[in-house]
Amino acid sequence: MAGNALGALAAELEKIEPRYFTPLPGVCMKPGSEFQVLASPTKGPAEQQLRTALFDLMQNGQAHPYQQIVVALSGGKELAIALNWVT
């Protein structure tokens, strides 16, 4: 997706649900050069936005639908994500 189209998509998604682009206190992933991550230009670097963290966790997937993706956060807390498939 071209940079302008990606930026327009991010702007529209941010209007619908701005929390996807919540700034995080640290870097969650460094996008490779092979693709661009959907990020808001107004919320700081892409690698410090919630949507980038969720993308990074989900792209690595899970072995089974009933497993959660759990990440240890600083301060002793955890972030857990569960995905469900609907057929």
N, C-alpha and C. Protein backbone atom coordinates (compact mmCIF):
# COMPACT_ATOMS: atom_id res chain seq x y z
N MET A 1 0.86 -1.17 0.00
CA MET A 1 0.00 0.00 0.00
C MET A 1 0.90 1.23 0.00
N ALA A 2 0.64 2.13 -0.86
CA ALA A 2 1.45 3.34 -0.98
C ALA A 2 1.35 4.16 0.30
N GLY A 3 2.40 4.95 0.56
CA GLY A 3 2.46 5.75 1.78
C GLY A 3 1.27 6.65 1.99
N ASN A 4 0.79 7.32 0.94
CA ASN A 4 -0.36 8.22 1.08
C ASN A 4 -1.63 7.45 1.43
N ALA A 5 -1.83 6.29 0.80
CA ALA A 5 -3.02 5.48 1.10
C ALA A 5 -2.95 4.93 2.52
N LEU A 6 -1.76 4.52 2.94
CA LEU A 6 -1.59 4.00 4.30
C LEU A 6 -1.86 5.09 5.33
N GLY A 7 -1.39 6.29 5.06
CA GLY A 7 -1.64 7.42 5.96
C GLY A 7 -3.12 7.78 6.02
N ALA A 8 -3.80 7.73 4.88
CA ALA A 8 -5.24 8.02 4.84
C ALA A 8 -6.03 6.96 5.61
N LEU A 9 -5.63 5.69 5.46
CA LEU A 9 -6.29 4.61 6.20
C LEU A 9 -6.08 4.78 7.70
N ALA A 10 -4.87 5.11 8.12
CA ALA A 10 -4.58 5.33 9.54
C ALA A 10 -5.41 6.48 10.08
N ALA A 11 -5.54 7.56 9.31
CA ALA A 11 -6.32 8.72 9.76
C ALA A 11 -7.79 8.36 9.95
N GLU A 12 -8.35 7.58 9.02
CA GLU A 12 -9.76 7.17 9.13
C GLU A 12 -9.96 6.22 10.30
N LEU A 13 -9.05 5.27 10.49
CA LEU A 13 -9.16 4.33 11.61
C LEU A 13 -9.02 5.07 12.94
N GLU A 14 -8.16 6.07 12.97
CA GLU A 14 -7.98 6.86 14.20
C GLU A 14 -9.25 7.63 14.55
N LYS A 15 -10.01 8.07 13.54
CA LYS A 15 -11.28 8.75 13.80
C LYS A 15 -12.29 7.79 14.43
N ILE A 16 -12.27 6.53 13.98
CA ILE A 16 -13.21 5.53 14.47
C ILE A 16 -12.82 5.03 15.86
N GLU A 17 -11.52 4.72 16.05
CA GLU A 17 -11.06 4.20 17.33
C GLU A 17 -9.64 4.69 17.61
N PRO A 18 -9.52 5.86 18.23
CA PRO A 18 -8.20 6.44 18.48
C PRO A 18 -7.34 5.63 19.45
N ARG A 19 -7.96 4.78 20.26
CA ARG A 19 -7.17 4.02 21.24
C ARG A 19 -6.21 3.03 20.58
N TYR A 20 -6.47 2.64 19.32
CA TYR A 20 -5.54 1.74 18.62
C TYR A 20 -4.14 2.34 18.53
N PHE A 21 -4.06 3.65 18.55
CA PHE A 21 -2.80 4.34 18.35
C PHE A 21 -2.25 4.93 19.66
N THR A 22 -2.71 4.41 20.78
CA THR A 22 -2.25 4.88 22.08
C THR A 22 -0.72 4.81 22.16
N PRO A 23 -0.07 5.90 22.55
CA PRO A 23 1.39 5.87 22.68
C PRO A 23 1.81 4.97 23.84
N LEU A 24 2.85 4.18 23.63
CA LEU A 24 3.41 3.31 24.64
C LEU A 24 4.69 3.92 25.20
N PRO A 25 5.09 3.55 26.42
CA PRO A 25 6.27 4.17 27.02
C PRO A 25 7.59 3.72 26.41
N GLY A 26 7.58 2.67 25.60
CA GLY A 26 8.83 2.20 25.00
C GLY A 26 8.58 1.60 23.63
N VAL A 27 9.66 1.18 23.00
CA VAL A 27 9.59 0.59 21.67
C VAL A 27 9.07 -0.84 21.77
N CYS A 28 8.10 -1.19 20.93
CA CYS A 28 7.55 -2.54 20.95
C CYS A 28 8.07 -3.38 19.79
N MET A 29 8.37 -2.78 18.67
CA MET A 29 8.96 -3.49 17.54
C MET A 29 9.55 -2.48 16.58
N LYS A 30 10.52 -2.89 15.85
CA LYS A 30 11.08 -2.05 14.80
C LYS A 30 10.65 -2.65 13.47
N PRO A 31 9.71 -2.00 12.77
CA PRO A 31 9.26 -2.53 11.48
C PRO A 31 10.43 -2.70 10.52
N GLY A 32 10.44 -3.83 9.81
CA GLY A 32 11.48 -4.06 8.82
C GLY A 32 11.27 -3.19 7.59
N SER A 33 12.21 -3.24 6.70
CA SER A 33 12.12 -2.41 5.50
C SER A 33 11.16 -2.99 4.47
N GLU A 34 10.71 -4.25 4.67
CA GLU A 34 9.85 -4.89 3.67
C GLU A 34 8.40 -4.43 3.73
N PHE A 35 7.97 -3.78 4.80
CA PHE A 35 6.60 -3.29 4.88
C PHE A 35 6.52 -2.12 5.85
N GLN A 36 5.42 -1.37 5.74
CA GLN A 36 5.17 -0.26 6.65
C GLN A 36 4.04 -0.67 7.60
N VAL A 37 4.13 -0.23 8.82
CA VAL A 37 3.10 -0.52 9.82
C VAL A 37 2.10 0.64 9.83
N LEU A 38 0.83 0.31 9.94
CA LEU A 38 -0.23 1.31 10.03
C LEU A 38 -0.09 2.05 11.35
N ALA A 39 0.22 3.33 11.31
CA ALA A 39 0.44 4.12 12.51
C ALA A 39 -0.05 5.53 12.31
N SER A 40 -0.36 6.19 13.42
CA SER A 40 -0.80 7.58 13.37
C SER A 40 0.42 8.50 13.40
N PRO A 41 0.51 9.44 12.47
CA PRO A 41 1.63 10.37 12.48
C PRO A 41 1.57 11.36 13.65
N THR A 42 0.42 11.47 14.29
CA THR A 42 0.27 12.44 15.39
C THR A 42 0.56 11.84 16.76
N LYS A 43 0.79 10.53 16.84
CA LYS A 43 0.97 9.87 18.14
C LYS A 43 2.39 9.39 18.39
N GLY A 44 3.35 9.95 17.68
CA GLY A 44 4.74 9.57 17.88
C GLY A 44 5.18 8.47 16.95
N PRO A 45 6.36 7.90 17.20
CA PRO A 45 6.91 6.88 16.32
C PRO A 45 6.01 5.63 16.25
N ALA A 46 5.93 5.02 15.07
CA ALA A 46 5.10 3.83 14.88
C ALA A 46 5.47 2.72 15.86
N GLU A 47 6.76 2.56 16.15
CA GLU A 47 7.19 1.47 17.02
C GLU A 47 6.83 1.69 18.49
N GLN A 48 6.20 2.81 18.81
CA GLN A 48 5.75 3.08 20.17
C GLN A 48 4.24 3.26 20.25
N GLN A 49 3.49 2.66 19.32
CA GLN A 49 2.03 2.77 19.33
C GLN A 49 1.41 1.40 19.58
N LEU A 50 0.28 1.38 20.27
CA LEU A 50 -0.39 0.14 20.64
C LEU A 50 -0.68 -0.73 19.44
N ARG A 51 -1.14 -0.14 18.33
CA ARG A 51 -1.49 -0.93 17.17
C ARG A 51 -0.29 -1.70 16.63
N THR A 52 0.89 -1.10 16.68
CA THR A 52 2.10 -1.78 16.24
C THR A 52 2.42 -2.96 17.15
N ALA A 53 2.25 -2.78 18.46
CA ALA A 53 2.48 -3.88 19.40
C ALA A 53 1.52 -5.03 19.15
N LEU A 54 0.24 -4.71 18.92
CA LEU A 54 -0.75 -5.75 18.65
C LEU A 54 -0.41 -6.47 17.35
N PHE A 55 -0.02 -5.73 16.32
CA PHE A 55 0.37 -6.34 15.05
C PHE A 55 1.54 -7.28 15.25
N ASP A 56 2.54 -6.85 15.98
CA ASP A 56 3.73 -7.67 16.21
C ASP A 56 3.37 -8.97 16.93
N LEU A 57 2.51 -8.87 17.93
CA LEU A 57 2.10 -10.07 18.67
C LEU A 57 1.29 -11.02 17.79
N MET A 58 0.37 -10.49 17.02
CA MET A 58 -0.51 -11.33 16.21
C MET A 58 0.18 -11.91 14.99
N GLN A 59 1.16 -11.20 14.42
CA GLN A 59 1.83 -11.74 13.24
C GLN A 59 2.64 -12.98 13.60
N ASN A 60 3.07 -13.07 14.84
CA ASN A 60 3.81 -14.25 15.27
C ASN A 60 2.87 -15.39 15.64
N GLY A 61 1.60 -15.08 15.75
CA GLY A 61 0.57 -16.10 15.89
C GLY A 61 0.61 -16.89 17.18
N GLN A 62 -0.17 -17.92 17.15
CA GLN A 62 -0.28 -18.83 18.27
C GLN A 62 -0.48 -20.22 17.69
N ALA A 63 -0.08 -21.23 18.42
CA ALA A 63 -0.14 -22.59 17.90
C ALA A 63 -1.56 -23.12 17.81
N HIS A 64 -2.39 -22.74 18.76
CA HIS A 64 -3.77 -23.25 18.80
C HIS A 64 -4.72 -22.11 19.14
N PRO A 65 -5.95 -22.15 18.62
CA PRO A 65 -6.90 -21.06 18.87
C PRO A 65 -7.19 -20.80 20.34
N TYR A 66 -7.04 -21.79 21.19
CA TYR A 66 -7.38 -21.60 22.60
C TYR A 66 -6.22 -21.05 23.42
N GLN A 67 -5.06 -20.87 22.81
CA GLN A 67 -3.91 -20.34 23.53
C GLN A 67 -3.92 -18.81 23.50
N GLN A 68 -3.46 -18.24 24.58
CA GLN A 68 -3.33 -16.78 24.63
C GLN A 68 -1.89 -16.39 24.31
N ILE A 69 -1.73 -15.21 23.78
CA ILE A 69 -0.40 -14.63 23.57
C ILE A 69 -0.16 -13.76 24.80
N VAL A 70 0.88 -14.06 25.56
CA VAL A 70 1.16 -13.34 26.80
C VAL A 70 2.54 -12.70 26.70
N VAL A 71 2.58 -11.43 27.07
CA VAL A 71 3.83 -10.67 27.03
C VAL A 71 4.09 -10.11 28.43
N ALA A 72 5.29 -10.32 28.93
CA ALA A 72 5.69 -9.74 30.21
C ALA A 72 6.06 -8.27 29.98
N LEU A 73 5.45 -7.40 30.75
CA LEU A 73 5.71 -5.96 30.64
C LEU A 73 6.60 -5.52 31.78
N SER A 74 7.21 -4.38 31.62
CA SER A 74 8.01 -3.83 32.72
C SER A 74 7.07 -3.52 33.88
N GLY A 75 7.58 -3.59 35.07
CA GLY A 75 6.75 -3.33 36.24
C GLY A 75 6.03 -4.58 36.73
N GLY A 76 6.36 -5.75 36.15
CA GLY A 76 5.78 -7.01 36.61
C GLY A 76 4.38 -7.30 36.09
N LYS A 77 3.87 -6.52 35.17
CA LYS A 77 2.53 -6.76 34.63
C LYS A 77 2.62 -7.57 33.35
N GLU A 78 1.47 -8.11 32.91
CA GLU A 78 1.42 -8.88 31.67
C GLU A 78 0.31 -8.35 30.77
N LEU A 79 0.51 -8.49 29.46
CA LEU A 79 -0.49 -8.19 28.47
C LEU A 79 -0.85 -9.52 27.82
N ALA A 80 -2.13 -9.88 27.83
CA ALA A 80 -2.56 -11.14 27.24
C ALA A 80 -3.59 -10.85 26.15
N ILE A 81 -3.42 -11.52 25.01
CA ILE A 81 -4.30 -11.37 23.88
C ILE A 81 -4.80 -12.75 23.47
N ALA A 82 -6.09 -12.88 23.29
CA ALA A 82 -6.67 -14.14 22.80
C ALA A 82 -7.40 -13.86 21.50
N LEU A 83 -7.17 -14.69 20.52
CA LEU A 83 -7.81 -14.56 19.22
C LEU A 83 -8.76 -15.73 19.03
N ASN A 84 -9.90 -15.47 18.42
CA ASN A 84 -10.86 -16.53 18.14
C ASN A 84 -11.19 -16.51 16.66
N TRP A 85 -11.36 -17.69 16.09
CA TRP A 85 -11.74 -17.82 14.70
C TRP A 85 -13.21 -18.12 14.63
N VAL A 86 -13.89 -17.45 13.73
CA VAL A 86 -15.32 -17.68 13.51
C VAL A 86 -15.46 -18.20 12.09
N THR A 87 -16.10 -19.35 11.97
CA THR A 87 -16.29 -19.91 10.63
C THR A 87 -17.74 -19.92 10.25
